[in-house]
Amino acid sequence: MKIYTELCAMLYVVPTPVGNLEDITLRALKVLREADLILAEDTRTSGLLLKHFDIKRPMQSYHKFNEHQQVQRIVERLLAGEQVAVVSDAGTPGISDPGFLVVREAVRAGVDVTCLPGATAFVPALVASGLPCDKFCFEGFLPQKKGRQTRLAQLSEEPRTMVFYESPHRVVKALQQFVEVFGPERPAAVCRELSKIHEECVRGTLTELLAHFTENEPRGEFVIIVGGQ
């Protein structure tokens, strides 16, 4: 493995708001204003954020479909002394979003990496759920097909509170599967549109949540919190 020893600048991992733009930190704004390059999951989405705060810095598309092709050139720019900031569409890069690969390769190359504290969807959902949050298991997005049932079976006896991300069109199906695996009376909470106008946290048993979202069409971004065994 090639090890770089040249002096380099910094890779900044910058969380961005999951909804309310006021949730961005002053430090995040400072880093974005001073970065030589901003790596954005979607330059159109991040462009709106930068425009809102009147930030005019070079952006480059960086997402799961091109990160393997881009990462070496990014590391080379870091080793040349540039400051690079990586952002996702919402939340903290690397948490169910692109970011891990560039951080790993930067670390391997001897580049300093700093992750700023900031927004991520599952923390407010977990705390607001009313379920134990001293110990928890973050699962993010379950496999859509292959491996999904296997993973759920492995979690059937998980004692910690479990955290899942889910898209709106799969929420009802996910709750149906959770009822089958975890039992109809398992306590849970479904949080959607966190920090946005239509923010909602519905609490109850898995059966009650399934009934609610079967009757009310799921819309928005979802975090599902399920109590441990």
C-alpha atoms as a PDB file:
ATOM      1  CA  MET A   1       0.000   0.000   0.000  1.00  0.00           C
ATOM      2  CA  LYS A   2       1.327   3.422  -0.924  1.00  0.00           C
ATOM      3  CA  ILE A   3       1.797   5.754   2.051  1.00  0.00           C
ATOM      4  CA  TYR A   4       1.918   9.507   1.477  1.00  0.00           C
ATOM      5  CA  THR A   5       4.109  11.658   3.684  1.00  0.00           C
ATOM      6  CA  GLU A   6       3.765  15.080   2.033  1.00  0.00           C
ATOM      7  CA  LEU A   7       2.403  17.965   4.035  1.00  0.00           C
ATOM      8  CA  CYS A   8      -1.301  18.390   3.409  1.00  0.00           C
ATOM      9  CA  ALA A   9      -4.224  20.538   4.439  1.00  0.00           C
ATOM     10  CA  MET A  10      -7.503  19.214   5.802  1.00  0.00           C
ATOM     11  CA  LEU A  11     -10.546  17.192   4.835  1.00  0.00           C
ATOM     12  CA  TYR A  12     -13.617  18.568   6.595  1.00  0.00           C
ATOM     13  CA  VAL A  13     -16.736  16.453   6.993  1.00  0.00           C
ATOM     14  CA  VAL A  14     -19.512  19.026   7.272  1.00  0.00           C
ATOM     15  CA  PRO A  15     -23.032  18.122   8.463  1.00  0.00           C
ATOM     16  CA  THR A  16     -25.828  20.073   6.797  1.00  0.00           C
ATOM     17  CA  PRO A  17     -29.423  20.594   7.996  1.00  0.00           C
ATOM     18  CA  VAL A  18     -31.881  17.724   7.582  1.00  0.00           C
ATOM     19  CA  GLY A  19     -34.647  20.287   7.084  1.00  0.00           C
ATOM     20  CA  ASN A  20     -34.528  23.612   8.891  1.00  0.00           C
ATOM     21  CA  LEU A  21     -31.646  25.676   7.501  1.00  0.00           C
ATOM     22  CA  GLU A  22     -31.204  27.385  10.875  1.00  0.00           C
ATOM     23  CA  ASP A  23     -29.729  24.128  12.193  1.00  0.00           C
ATOM     24  CA  ILE A  24     -26.421  24.682  10.407  1.00  0.00           C
ATOM     25  CA  THR A  25     -23.602  25.714  12.728  1.00  0.00           C
ATOM     26  CA  LEU A  26     -21.520  28.885  12.520  1.00  0.00           C
ATOM     27  CA  ARG A  27     -18.417  26.730  12.257  1.00  0.00           C
ATOM     28  CA  ALA A  28     -19.862  24.803   9.312  1.00  0.00           C
ATOM     29  CA  LEU A  29     -20.556  28.069   7.488  1.00  0.00           C
ATOM     30  CA  LYS A  30     -17.002  29.246   8.161  1.00  0.00           C
ATOM     31  CA  VAL A  31     -15.500  26.019   6.799  1.00  0.00           C
ATOM     32  CA  LEU A  32     -17.673  26.131   3.679  1.00  0.00           C
ATOM     33  CA  ARG A  33     -16.752  29.774   3.024  1.00  0.00           C
ATOM     34  CA  GLU A  34     -13.041  29.021   3.272  1.00  0.00           C
ATOM     35  CA  ALA A  35     -12.881  25.644   1.498  1.00  0.00           C
ATOM     36  CA  ASP A  36     -10.937  25.358  -1.740  1.00  0.00           C
ATOM     37  CA  LEU A  37     -13.396  22.701  -2.872  1.00  0.00           C
ATOM     38  CA  ILE A  38     -16.787  21.456  -1.690  1.00  0.00           C
ATOM     39  CA  LEU A  39     -17.679  17.857  -2.511  1.00  0.00           C
ATOM     40  CA  ALA A  40     -21.460  17.639  -2.808  1.00  0.00           C
ATOM     41  CA  GLU A  41     -23.683  14.571  -3.093  1.00  0.00           C
ATOM     42  CA  ASP A  42     -25.955  16.632  -5.367  1.00  0.00           C
ATOM     43  CA  THR A  43     -24.588  19.998  -6.471  1.00  0.00           C
ATOM     44  CA  ARG A  44     -28.121  21.271  -7.133  1.00  0.00           C
ATOM     45  CA  THR A  45     -29.264  20.552  -3.580  1.00  0.00           C
ATOM     46  CA  SER A  46     -26.080  21.863  -1.981  1.00  0.00           C
ATOM     47  CA  GLY A  47     -26.145  24.812  -4.360  1.00  0.00           C
ATOM     48  CA  LEU A  48     -29.418  25.954  -2.811  1.00  0.00           C
ATOM     49  CA  LEU A  49     -27.875  25.777   0.646  1.00  0.00           C
ATOM     50  CA  LEU A  50     -24.791  27.717  -0.406  1.00  0.00           C
ATOM     51  CA  LYS A  51     -26.895  30.317  -2.198  1.00  0.00           C
ATOM     52  CA  HIS A  52     -29.057  30.798   0.904  1.00  0.00           C
ATOM     53  CA  PHE A  53     -25.964  31.659   2.944  1.00  0.00           C
ATOM     54  CA  ASP A  54     -24.286  33.559   0.080  1.00  0.00           C
ATOM     55  CA  ILE A  55     -21.371  31.126  -0.133  1.00  0.00           C
ATOM     56  CA  LYS A  56     -19.552  31.058  -3.458  1.00  0.00           C
ATOM     57  CA  ARG A  57     -16.995  28.275  -3.554  1.00  0.00           C
ATOM     58  CA  PRO A  58     -16.143  25.651  -6.197  1.00  0.00           C
ATOM     59  CA  MET A  59     -18.286  22.532  -5.986  1.00  0.00           C
ATOM     60  CA  GLN A  60     -17.753  19.066  -7.372  1.00  0.00           C
ATOM     61  CA  SER A  61     -20.247  16.221  -7.610  1.00  0.00           C
ATOM     62  CA  TYR A  62     -19.335  13.379  -5.255  1.00  0.00           C
ATOM     63  CA  HIS A  63     -21.783  10.517  -4.768  1.00  0.00           C
ATOM     64  CA  LYS A  64     -21.998   6.721  -4.557  1.00  0.00           C
ATOM     65  CA  PHE A  65     -21.890   6.330  -8.339  1.00  0.00           C
ATOM     66  CA  ASN A  66     -18.627   8.228  -8.903  1.00  0.00           C
ATOM     67  CA  GLU A  67     -16.768   8.234  -5.584  1.00  0.00           C
ATOM     68  CA  HIS A  68     -14.437   5.366  -6.515  1.00  0.00           C
ATOM     69  CA  GLN A  69     -13.383   7.246  -9.653  1.00  0.00           C
ATOM     70  CA  GLN A  70     -13.024  10.594  -7.878  1.00  0.00           C
ATOM     71  CA  VAL A  71     -11.367   9.723  -4.589  1.00  0.00           C
ATOM     72  CA  GLN A  72      -7.742   9.480  -5.721  1.00  0.00           C
ATOM     73  CA  ARG A  73      -7.831  12.898  -7.406  1.00  0.00           C
ATOM     74  CA  ILE A  74      -9.387  14.360  -4.286  1.00  0.00           C
ATOM     75  CA  VAL A  75      -6.622  12.927  -2.100  1.00  0.00           C
ATOM     76  CA  GLU A  76      -4.038  14.386  -4.473  1.00  0.00           C
ATOM     77  CA  ARG A  77      -5.607  17.835  -4.101  1.00  0.00           C
ATOM     78  CA  LEU A  78      -5.501  17.454  -0.325  1.00  0.00           C
ATOM     79  CA  LEU A  79      -1.846  16.484  -0.460  1.00  0.00           C
ATOM     80  CA  ALA A  80      -1.212  19.582  -2.558  1.00  0.00           C
ATOM     81  CA  GLY A  81      -2.367  21.662   0.406  1.00  0.00           C
ATOM     82  CA  GLU A  82      -6.018  22.317  -0.335  1.00  0.00           C
ATOM     83  CA  GLN A  83      -8.860  22.420   2.150  1.00  0.00           C
ATOM     84  CA  VAL A  84     -11.716  20.189   1.018  1.00  0.00           C
ATOM     85  CA  ALA A  85     -15.165  20.022   2.580  1.00  0.00           C
ATOM     86  CA  VAL A  86     -17.527  17.111   1.954  1.00  0.00           C
ATOM     87  CA  VAL A  87     -21.292  17.509   2.394  1.00  0.00           C
ATOM     88  CA  SER A  88     -24.300  15.305   1.715  1.00  0.00           C
ATOM     89  CA  ASP A  89     -27.792  16.407   0.740  1.00  0.00           C
ATOM     90  CA  ALA A  90     -28.784  16.421   4.419  1.00  0.00           C
ATOM     91  CA  GLY A  91     -27.218  15.306   7.678  1.00  0.00           C
ATOM     92  CA  THR A  92     -23.724  14.025   8.339  1.00  0.00           C
ATOM     93  CA  PRO A  93     -21.747  12.540   5.419  1.00  0.00           C
ATOM     94  CA  GLY A  94     -20.897   8.895   5.997  1.00  0.00           C
ATOM     95  CA  ILE A  95     -24.089   8.164   7.929  1.00  0.00           C
ATOM     96  CA  SER A  96     -26.156   6.367   5.256  1.00  0.00           C
ATOM     97  CA  ASP A  97     -24.662   8.852   2.790  1.00  0.00           C
ATOM     98  CA  PRO A  98     -21.422   9.136   0.763  1.00  0.00           C
ATOM     99  CA  GLY A  99     -18.381  10.149   2.802  1.00  0.00           C
ATOM    100  CA  PHE A 100     -16.789   7.047   4.272  1.00  0.00           C
ATOM    101  CA  LEU A 101     -14.598   6.268   1.255  1.00  0.00           C
ATOM    102  CA  VAL A 102     -12.967   9.688   0.987  1.00  0.00           C
ATOM    103  CA  VAL A 103     -12.397   9.788   4.757  1.00  0.00           C
ATOM    104  CA  ARG A 104     -10.787   6.331   4.700  1.00  0.00           C
ATOM    105  CA  GLU A 105      -8.497   7.175   1.799  1.00  0.00           C
ATOM    106  CA  ALA A 106      -7.562  10.538   3.304  1.00  0.00           C
ATOM    107  CA  VAL A 107      -6.610   8.834   6.566  1.00  0.00           C
ATOM    108  CA  ARG A 108      -4.583   6.223   4.684  1.00  0.00           C
ATOM    109  CA  ALA A 109      -2.755   9.012   2.874  1.00  0.00           C
ATOM    110  CA  GLY A 110      -1.865  10.776   6.108  1.00  0.00           C
ATOM    111  CA  VAL A 111      -4.311  13.645   5.554  1.00  0.00           C
ATOM    112  CA  ASP A 112      -5.846  15.271   8.609  1.00  0.00           C
ATOM    113  CA  VAL A 113      -9.595  14.729   8.835  1.00  0.00           C
ATOM    114  CA  THR A 114     -12.013  16.729  10.970  1.00  0.00           C
ATOM    115  CA  CYS A 115     -15.696  15.927  11.321  1.00  0.00           C
ATOM    116  CA  LEU A 116     -17.750  18.850  12.548  1.00  0.00           C
ATOM    117  CA  PRO A 117     -20.579  18.163  15.003  1.00  0.00           C
ATOM    118  CA  GLY A 118     -23.993  18.857  13.572  1.00  0.00           C
ATOM    119  CA  ALA A 119     -27.255  17.591  12.194  1.00  0.00           C
ATOM    120  CA  THR A 120     -28.107  13.944  11.657  1.00  0.00           C
ATOM    121  CA  ALA A 121     -31.641  12.585  11.451  1.00  0.00           C
ATOM    122  CA  PHE A 122     -31.517   9.613  13.786  1.00  0.00           C
ATOM    123  CA  VAL A 123     -30.373  11.381  16.972  1.00  0.00           C
ATOM    124  CA  PRO A 124     -33.415  13.670  17.434  1.00  0.00           C
ATOM    125  CA  ALA A 125     -35.704  10.807  16.391  1.00  0.00           C
ATOM    126  CA  LEU A 126     -34.129   8.451  18.914  1.00  0.00           C
ATOM    127  CA  VAL A 127     -34.294  10.948  21.768  1.00  0.00           C
ATOM    128  CA  ALA A 128     -37.871  12.053  20.957  1.00  0.00           C
ATOM    129  CA  SER A 129     -39.107   8.467  20.647  1.00  0.00           C
ATOM    130  CA  GLY A 130     -39.348   8.003  24.398  1.00  0.00           C
ATOM    131  CA  LEU A 131     -37.509   4.681  24.089  1.00  0.00           C
ATOM    132  CA  PRO A 132     -34.217   3.971  25.872  1.00  0.00           C
ATOM    133  CA  CYS A 133     -31.394   5.829  24.132  1.00  0.00           C
ATOM    134  CA  ASP A 134     -28.462   5.137  26.444  1.00  0.00           C
ATOM    135  CA  LYS A 135     -27.611   2.137  24.269  1.00  0.00           C
ATOM    136  CA  PHE A 136     -28.852   1.671  20.727  1.00  0.00           C
ATOM    137  CA  CYS A 137     -28.220  -0.164  17.467  1.00  0.00           C
ATOM    138  CA  PHE A 138     -28.105   1.959  14.310  1.00  0.00           C
ATOM    139  CA  GLU A 139     -29.099  -0.087  11.260  1.00  0.00           C
ATOM    140  CA  GLY A 140     -29.779   2.692   8.749  1.00  0.00           C
ATOM    141  CA  PHE A 141     -31.361   1.349   5.555  1.00  0.00           C
ATOM    142  CA  LEU A 142     -31.962  -2.406   5.607  1.00  0.00           C
ATOM    143  CA  PRO A 143     -31.207  -4.335   2.400  1.00  0.00           C
ATOM    144  CA  GLN A 144     -34.171  -3.981   0.076  1.00  0.00           C
ATOM    145  CA  LYS A 145     -34.181  -7.618  -1.038  1.00  0.00           C
ATOM    146  CA  LYS A 146     -31.264  -9.984  -0.614  1.00  0.00           C
ATOM    147  CA  GLY A 147     -30.232 -10.285   3.014  1.00  0.00           C
ATOM    148  CA  ARG A 148     -33.176  -8.349   4.465  1.00  0.00           C
ATOM    149  CA  GLN A 149     -34.923 -11.275   6.150  1.00  0.00           C
ATOM    150  CA  THR A 150     -31.608 -12.643   7.379  1.00  0.00           C
ATOM    151  CA  ARG A 151     -30.708  -9.336   8.998  1.00  0.00           C
ATOM    152  CA  LEU A 152     -34.130  -8.963  10.597  1.00  0.00           C
ATOM    153  CA  ALA A 153     -33.863 -12.476  12.013  1.00  0.00           C
ATOM    154  CA  GLN A 154     -30.492 -11.559  13.519  1.00  0.00           C
ATOM    155  CA  LEU A 155     -32.073  -8.519  15.156  1.00  0.00           C
ATOM    156  CA  SER A 156     -35.047 -10.405  16.581  1.00  0.00           C
ATOM    157  CA  GLU A 157     -33.356 -10.760  19.966  1.00  0.00           C
ATOM    158  CA  GLU A 158     -31.434  -7.459  19.931  1.00  0.00           C
ATOM    159  CA  PRO A 159     -31.745  -5.974  23.460  1.00  0.00           C
ATOM    160  CA  ARG A 160     -30.885  -2.411  22.461  1.00  0.00           C
ATOM    161  CA  THR A 161     -33.189   0.143  20.879  1.00  0.00           C
ATOM    162  CA  MET A 162     -32.930  -0.168  17.081  1.00  0.00           C
ATOM    163  CA  VAL A 163     -32.826   2.683  14.572  1.00  0.00           C
ATOM    164  CA  PHE A 164     -33.830   2.306  10.926  1.00  0.00           C
ATOM    165  CA  TYR A 165     -34.085   4.648   7.953  1.00  0.00           C
ATOM    166  CA  GLU A 166     -36.843   3.982   5.436  1.00  0.00           C
ATOM    167  CA  SER A 167     -38.249   5.586   2.307  1.00  0.00           C
ATOM    168  CA  PRO A 168     -41.931   6.613   2.409  1.00  0.00           C
ATOM    169  CA  HIS A 169     -43.135   4.062  -0.128  1.00  0.00           C
ATOM    170  CA  ARG A 170     -41.665   1.203   1.932  1.00  0.00           C
ATOM    171  CA  VAL A 171     -42.720   2.311   5.422  1.00  0.00           C
ATOM    172  CA  VAL A 172     -45.893   0.202   5.588  1.00  0.00           C
ATOM    173  CA  LYS A 173     -44.105  -2.897   4.279  1.00  0.00           C
ATOM    174  CA  ALA A 174     -41.295  -2.371   6.783  1.00  0.00           C
ATOM    175  CA  LEU A 175     -43.763  -2.064   9.668  1.00  0.00           C
ATOM    176  CA  GLN A 176     -45.508  -5.251   8.522  1.00  0.00           C
ATOM    177  CA  GLN A 177     -42.182  -7.085   8.591  1.00  0.00           C
ATOM    178  CA  PHE A 178     -41.320  -5.623  11.987  1.00  0.00           C
ATOM    179  CA  VAL A 179     -44.626  -6.880  13.405  1.00  0.00           C
ATOM    180  CA  GLU A 180     -43.815 -10.370  12.128  1.00  0.00           C
ATOM    181  CA  VAL A 181     -40.240 -10.374  13.437  1.00  0.00           C
ATOM    182  CA  PHE A 182     -40.393  -8.320  16.641  1.00  0.00           C
ATOM    183  CA  GLY A 183     -43.998  -8.992  17.637  1.00  0.00           C
ATOM    184  CA  PRO A 184     -47.166  -6.862  17.448  1.00  0.00           C
ATOM    185  CA  GLU A 185     -46.784  -5.339  20.921  1.00  0.00           C
ATOM    186  CA  ARG A 186     -43.171  -4.168  20.574  1.00  0.00           C
ATOM    187  CA  PRO A 187     -42.979  -0.432  21.429  1.00  0.00           C
ATOM    188  CA  ALA A 188     -41.793   1.787  18.604  1.00  0.00           C
ATOM    189  CA  ALA A 189     -41.901   5.286  17.154  1.00  0.00           C
ATOM    190  CA  VAL A 190     -41.993   6.585  13.607  1.00  0.00           C
ATOM    191  CA  CYS A 191     -40.571  10.063  13.065  1.00  0.00           C
ATOM    192  CA  ARG A 192     -40.825  11.935   9.789  1.00  0.00           C
ATOM    193  CA  GLU A 193     -39.865  15.302   8.328  1.00  0.00           C
ATOM    194  CA  LEU A 194     -37.611  16.112  11.276  1.00  0.00           C
ATOM    195  CA  SER A 195     -37.070  19.857  11.809  1.00  0.00           C
ATOM    196  CA  LYS A 196     -39.475  20.657   8.955  1.00  0.00           C
ATOM    197  CA  ILE A 197     -42.959  22.213   9.000  1.00  0.00           C
ATOM    198  CA  HIS A 198     -44.726  18.844   8.993  1.00  0.00           C
ATOM    199  CA  GLU A 199     -42.503  17.184  11.607  1.00  0.00           C
ATOM    200  CA  GLU A 200     -44.284  14.289  13.288  1.00  0.00           C
ATOM    201  CA  CYS A 201     -43.409  11.581  15.801  1.00  0.00           C
ATOM    202  CA  VAL A 202     -45.993   8.813  16.159  1.00  0.00           C
ATOM    203  CA  ARG A 203     -45.471   6.507  19.144  1.00  0.00           C
ATOM    204  CA  GLY A 204     -47.126   3.225  20.067  1.00  0.00           C
ATOM    205  CA  THR A 205     -46.892  -0.502  19.446  1.00  0.00           C
ATOM    206  CA  LEU A 206     -45.832  -1.755  16.039  1.00  0.00           C
ATOM    207  CA  THR A 207     -49.437  -2.830  15.416  1.00  0.00           C
ATOM    208  CA  GLU A 208     -50.705   0.668  16.199  1.00  0.00           C
ATOM    209  CA  LEU A 209     -48.085   2.288  13.989  1.00  0.00           C
ATOM    210  CA  LEU A 210     -48.879  -0.078  11.134  1.00  0.00           C
ATOM    211  CA  ALA A 211     -52.572   0.815  11.407  1.00  0.00           C
ATOM    212  CA  HIS A 212     -51.781   4.541  11.483  1.00  0.00           C
ATOM    213  CA  PHE A 213     -49.600   4.555   8.373  1.00  0.00           C
ATOM    214  CA  THR A 214     -51.861   2.172   6.520  1.00  0.00           C
ATOM    215  CA  GLU A 215     -54.630   4.716   7.003  1.00  0.00           C
ATOM    216  CA  ASN A 216     -52.428   7.788   6.539  1.00  0.00           C
ATOM    217  CA  GLU A 217     -50.202   7.739   3.452  1.00  0.00           C
ATOM    218  CA  PRO A 218     -46.539   8.027   4.477  1.00  0.00           C
ATOM    219  CA  ARG A 219     -44.878  11.159   3.139  1.00  0.00           C
ATOM    220  CA  GLY A 220     -41.453  12.636   3.727  1.00  0.00           C
ATOM    221  CA  GLU A 221     -38.237  11.288   5.199  1.00  0.00           C
ATOM    222  CA  PHE A 222     -38.631   8.574   7.869  1.00  0.00           C
ATOM    223  CA  VAL A 223     -36.763   7.260  10.879  1.00  0.00           C
ATOM    224  CA  ILE A 224     -38.236   4.199  12.605  1.00  0.00           C
ATOM    225  CA  ILE A 225     -37.259   3.491  16.210  1.00  0.00           C
ATOM    226  CA  VAL A 226     -38.002   0.020  17.597  1.00  0.00           C
ATOM    227  CA  GLY A 227     -37.575  -0.981  21.228  1.00  0.00           C
ATOM    228  CA  GLY A 228     -35.177  -3.793  22.041  1.00  0.00           C
ATOM    229  CA  GLN A 229     -36.294  -7.167  23.277  1.00  0.00           C
END
